[in-house]
Amino acid sequence: MLYLVATPIGNLGDITLRAVETLHTVDLIAAEDTRKTGRLLKQHGIETPQFSYHEHNEGQAVDRIIGALRGGLSVAVVTNAGTPGISDPGFSAVRRALEEGLPVSAIPGPTGLIAALVLSGLPLHSFTFRGFAPRKSAARRRFLEMDAASKHTLVFYESPHRLAAFLKDALAVYGDRPAALANDLTKLYEKVERGAVSALLEGVSGKKLRGEFIVVIGGCR
């Protein structure tokens, strides 16, 4: 069985009992970063062997996962934070397993985009998750323009180094819509800023930022 195991997005107390049990009992753990996952495993006394599964070794890692499953072993996929496959490794392993008729199961838990969305104060009845935007401004604006007329609330992930540039392009494409900016969710210094895109841009411009950010922007009215 291939298990997709959600892990905490910040507060280590957010891991589920079922996730801990699964990580204890599987034969192998495919981890985005074995050092980070190792700290989580140590906290719960889990000694299951790990190997790396990230964007730079994806083909080799998926071959190893599928080989283990064919051999009758169970494998858990985990990422640094949140649910595997959501802007993180996981999709390729699931696709291969399903193509080969191998069983797959999800152990649900934290997902950053959902936490940010419910804290944003923006409409929840329909939303579009867009993940990470392209790094360069021209490509990023084309990416944003695909949803310019959408009435759905939009959710994006962004790095601290590109956040101001992202908000600048979002302001140019969408106008000064209501928005929210989430950082360090579930951690001690969790922060959610709410306001117009221009206000959020002003608040981050010229500042040294840390951690990944989640940007929530209201839909077209």
Protein backbone atom coordinates (compact mmCIF):
# COMPACT_ATOMS: atom_id res chain seq x y z
CA MET A 1 0.00 0.00 0.00
CA LEU A 2 1.12 3.54 -0.79
CA TYR A 3 0.11 6.00 1.93
CA LEU A 4 0.04 9.76 1.49
CA VAL A 5 0.54 11.02 5.03
CA ALA A 6 -0.20 14.64 5.93
CA THR A 7 2.21 16.17 8.46
CA PRO A 8 2.04 19.42 10.49
CA ILE A 9 2.39 22.72 8.65
CA GLY A 10 3.95 24.32 11.71
CA ASN A 11 2.85 23.16 15.15
CA LEU A 12 4.12 19.59 15.59
CA GLY A 13 1.11 18.84 17.79
CA ASP A 14 -1.12 18.88 14.72
CA ILE A 15 -0.10 15.41 13.52
CA THR A 16 -2.95 12.89 13.78
CA LEU A 17 -2.89 9.66 15.76
CA ARG A 18 -3.50 7.74 12.54
CA ALA A 19 -0.54 9.45 10.85
CA VAL A 20 1.75 8.47 13.73
CA GLU A 21 0.48 4.89 13.65
CA THR A 22 0.97 4.66 9.88
CA LEU A 23 4.52 6.02 10.03
CA HIS A 24 5.29 3.46 12.73
CA THR A 25 3.97 0.50 10.77
CA VAL A 26 4.96 1.10 7.14
CA ASP A 27 8.13 -0.49 5.79
CA LEU A 28 9.58 2.68 4.23
CA ILE A 29 9.08 6.44 4.32
CA ALA A 30 9.71 8.54 1.21
CA ALA A 31 10.43 12.03 2.56
CA GLU A 32 10.94 15.37 0.84
CA ASP A 33 13.69 16.19 3.36
CA THR A 34 14.86 13.28 5.51
CA ARG A 35 16.47 15.61 8.06
CA LYS A 36 13.26 17.53 8.72
CA THR A 37 11.15 14.40 8.74
CA GLY A 38 13.74 12.76 10.99
CA ARG A 39 13.05 15.33 13.71
CA LEU A 40 9.32 14.58 13.52
CA LEU A 41 9.93 10.84 13.62
CA LYS A 42 12.28 11.15 16.60
CA GLN A 43 9.64 13.07 18.56
CA HIS A 44 7.24 10.15 18.18
CA GLY A 45 9.79 7.36 18.58
CA ILE A 46 9.44 6.22 14.96
CA GLU A 47 12.39 4.28 13.56
CA THR A 48 11.06 3.45 10.09
CA PRO A 49 13.79 3.78 7.40
CA GLN A 50 13.61 6.86 5.16
CA PHE A 51 14.78 7.76 1.68
CA SER A 52 14.59 11.04 -0.24
CA TYR A 53 11.78 11.91 -2.64
CA HIS A 54 11.97 15.47 -3.97
CA GLU A 55 11.79 17.35 -7.27
CA HIS A 56 15.45 16.77 -8.09
CA ASN A 57 15.37 12.93 -7.79
CA GLU A 58 11.72 12.36 -8.60
CA GLY A 59 12.14 9.72 -11.30
CA GLN A 60 14.56 7.61 -9.31
CA ALA A 61 12.54 7.94 -6.11
CA VAL A 62 9.26 6.97 -7.77
CA ASP A 63 10.94 3.91 -9.31
CA ARG A 64 12.05 2.91 -5.82
CA ILE A 65 8.56 3.45 -4.39
CA ILE A 66 6.93 1.38 -7.12
CA GLY A 67 9.55 -1.35 -6.78
CA ALA A 68 8.89 -1.58 -3.05
CA LEU A 69 5.12 -1.73 -3.58
CA ARG A 70 5.51 -4.47 -6.19
CA GLY A 71 7.59 -6.40 -3.66
CA GLY A 72 4.76 -6.30 -1.14
CA LEU A 73 6.15 -3.52 1.04
CA SER A 74 4.19 -0.51 2.30
CA VAL A 75 5.48 3.01 1.69
CA ALA A 76 4.46 6.34 3.23
CA VAL A 77 5.08 9.58 1.34
CA VAL A 78 5.54 12.69 3.47
CA THR A 79 6.58 16.25 2.67
CA ASN A 80 8.18 18.94 4.81
CA ALA A 81 4.75 20.23 5.79
CA GLY A 82 1.14 19.54 4.88
CA THR A 83 -0.44 17.10 2.46
CA PRO A 84 1.73 15.34 -0.15
CA GLY A 85 0.92 16.32 -3.72
CA ILE A 86 -0.27 19.85 -2.87
CA SER A 87 2.59 21.90 -4.40
CA ASP A 88 4.89 19.21 -3.03
CA PRO A 89 6.11 15.74 -4.14
CA GLY A 90 3.46 13.02 -4.25
CA PHE A 91 1.53 13.29 -7.50
CA SER A 92 4.00 11.34 -9.63
CA ALA A 93 4.06 8.42 -7.19
CA VAL A 94 0.25 8.31 -7.03
CA ARG A 95 -0.03 8.41 -10.83
CA ARG A 96 2.43 5.55 -11.29
CA ALA A 97 0.83 3.44 -8.57
CA LEU A 98 -2.64 3.86 -10.05
CA GLU A 99 -1.40 3.08 -13.56
CA GLU A 100 0.03 -0.18 -12.26
CA GLY A 101 -3.04 -1.11 -10.23
CA LEU A 102 -1.32 -0.68 -6.89
CA PRO A 103 -3.37 0.45 -3.87
CA VAL A 104 -3.16 4.03 -2.60
CA SER A 105 -4.60 5.55 0.57
CA ALA A 106 -4.56 9.06 2.07
CA ILE A 107 -4.02 9.84 5.75
CA PRO A 108 -5.62 13.30 5.94
CA GLY A 109 -4.39 16.19 8.01
CA PRO A 110 -3.14 19.78 7.74
CA THR A 111 -3.10 21.72 4.47
CA GLY A 112 -1.85 25.30 4.53
CA LEU A 113 -4.16 26.61 1.83
CA ILE A 114 -7.30 25.60 3.76
CA ALA A 115 -6.08 27.17 7.00
CA ALA A 116 -5.26 30.42 5.20
CA LEU A 117 -8.56 30.44 3.36
CA VAL A 118 -10.74 30.05 6.46
CA LEU A 119 -8.72 32.72 8.30
CA SER A 120 -8.81 35.19 5.42
CA GLY A 121 -12.35 36.44 6.00
CA LEU A 122 -12.99 36.13 2.26
CA PRO A 123 -15.80 34.06 0.70
CA LEU A 124 -15.34 30.30 1.14
CA HIS A 125 -18.19 28.83 -0.91
CA SER A 126 -15.96 28.53 -4.00
CA PHE A 127 -12.25 29.05 -4.45
CA THR A 128 -9.41 28.28 -6.87
CA PHE A 129 -6.02 27.09 -5.64
CA ARG A 130 -3.25 28.21 -8.02
CA GLY A 131 -0.13 27.16 -6.11
CA PHE A 132 3.13 28.94 -6.90
CA ALA A 133 3.18 31.55 -9.67
CA PRO A 134 6.05 31.71 -12.20
CA ARG A 135 9.21 33.43 -10.99
CA LYS A 136 9.52 36.05 -13.75
CA SER A 137 7.15 39.01 -13.90
CA ALA A 138 5.97 38.65 -17.50
CA ALA A 139 5.14 34.97 -17.08
CA ARG A 140 3.63 35.65 -13.66
CA ARG A 141 1.28 38.30 -15.05
CA ARG A 142 0.12 35.95 -17.81
CA PHE A 143 -0.47 33.31 -15.15
CA LEU A 144 -2.50 35.73 -13.01
CA GLU A 145 -4.49 37.00 -15.99
CA MET A 146 -6.03 33.55 -16.50
CA ASP A 147 -8.16 34.19 -13.40
CA ALA A 148 -8.75 37.93 -13.81
CA ALA A 149 -12.47 37.47 -14.52
CA SER A 150 -13.01 34.61 -12.06
CA LYS A 151 -15.52 35.17 -9.28
CA HIS A 152 -13.83 32.53 -7.12
CA THR A 153 -11.56 33.43 -4.22
CA LEU A 154 -7.97 32.80 -5.35
CA VAL A 155 -5.27 31.13 -3.24
CA PHE A 156 -1.54 31.26 -4.03
CA TYR A 157 1.68 30.10 -2.39
CA GLU A 158 4.71 32.41 -2.56
CA SER A 159 8.26 32.61 -1.24
CA PRO A 160 9.39 35.53 0.94
CA HIS A 161 11.89 36.66 -1.70
CA ARG A 162 9.25 37.10 -4.40
CA LEU A 163 6.26 38.14 -2.30
CA ALA A 164 6.47 41.89 -2.95
CA ALA A 165 6.91 41.33 -6.69
CA PHE A 166 3.96 38.94 -6.69
CA LEU A 167 1.70 41.44 -4.92
CA LYS A 168 2.81 44.20 -7.30
CA ASP A 169 1.82 42.08 -10.29
CA ALA A 170 -1.42 40.99 -8.60
CA LEU A 171 -2.34 44.63 -8.04
CA ALA A 172 -1.67 45.41 -11.69
CA VAL A 173 -3.71 42.45 -12.96
CA TYR A 174 -6.60 42.27 -10.48
CA GLY A 175 -6.82 45.81 -9.18
CA ASP A 176 -7.03 46.68 -5.50
CA ARG A 177 -9.16 43.75 -4.35
CA PRO A 178 -9.65 42.59 -0.74
CA ALA A 179 -6.98 40.08 0.21
CA ALA A 180 -5.20 38.32 3.05
CA LEU A 181 -1.61 37.30 3.66
CA ALA A 182 -0.85 34.34 5.94
CA ASN A 183 2.55 33.44 7.39
CA ASP A 184 3.76 30.96 10.02
CA LEU A 185 0.31 29.38 10.37
CA THR A 186 -0.13 27.24 13.51
CA LYS A 187 3.22 28.46 14.89
CA LEU A 188 3.80 30.68 17.92
CA TYR A 189 3.99 33.85 15.82
CA GLU A 190 1.21 33.01 13.38
CA LYS A 191 0.24 36.10 11.43
CA VAL A 192 -2.61 36.89 9.05
CA GLU A 193 -2.78 40.36 7.53
CA ARG A 194 -6.06 41.41 5.88
CA GLY A 195 -6.75 44.39 3.64
CA ALA A 196 -6.55 45.61 0.08
CA VAL A 197 -3.76 44.25 -2.11
CA SER A 198 -2.09 47.68 -2.13
CA ALA A 199 -2.02 47.79 1.67
CA LEU A 200 -0.51 44.31 1.88
CA LEU A 201 2.11 45.30 -0.70
CA GLU A 202 3.02 48.39 1.29
CA GLY A 203 3.31 46.29 4.44
CA VAL A 204 5.90 43.90 3.00
CA SER A 205 7.88 46.19 0.69
CA GLY A 206 11.49 46.63 1.76
CA LYS A 207 11.19 44.17 4.65
CA LYS A 208 13.23 41.03 5.26
CA LEU A 209 10.68 38.22 5.28
CA ARG A 210 10.92 34.58 6.32
CA GLY A 211 8.90 31.45 5.68
CA GLU A 212 6.50 30.63 2.89
CA PHE A 213 3.47 32.85 2.48
CA ILE A 214 -0.08 32.09 1.43
CA VAL A 215 -1.87 34.86 -0.47
CA VAL A 216 -5.68 34.87 -0.64
CA ILE A 217 -7.32 37.31 -3.05
CA GLY A 218 -11.02 37.99 -3.50
CA GLY A 219 -12.69 37.11 -6.79
CA CYS A 220 -13.87 39.51 -9.48
CA ARG A 221 -17.05 41.35 -8.56
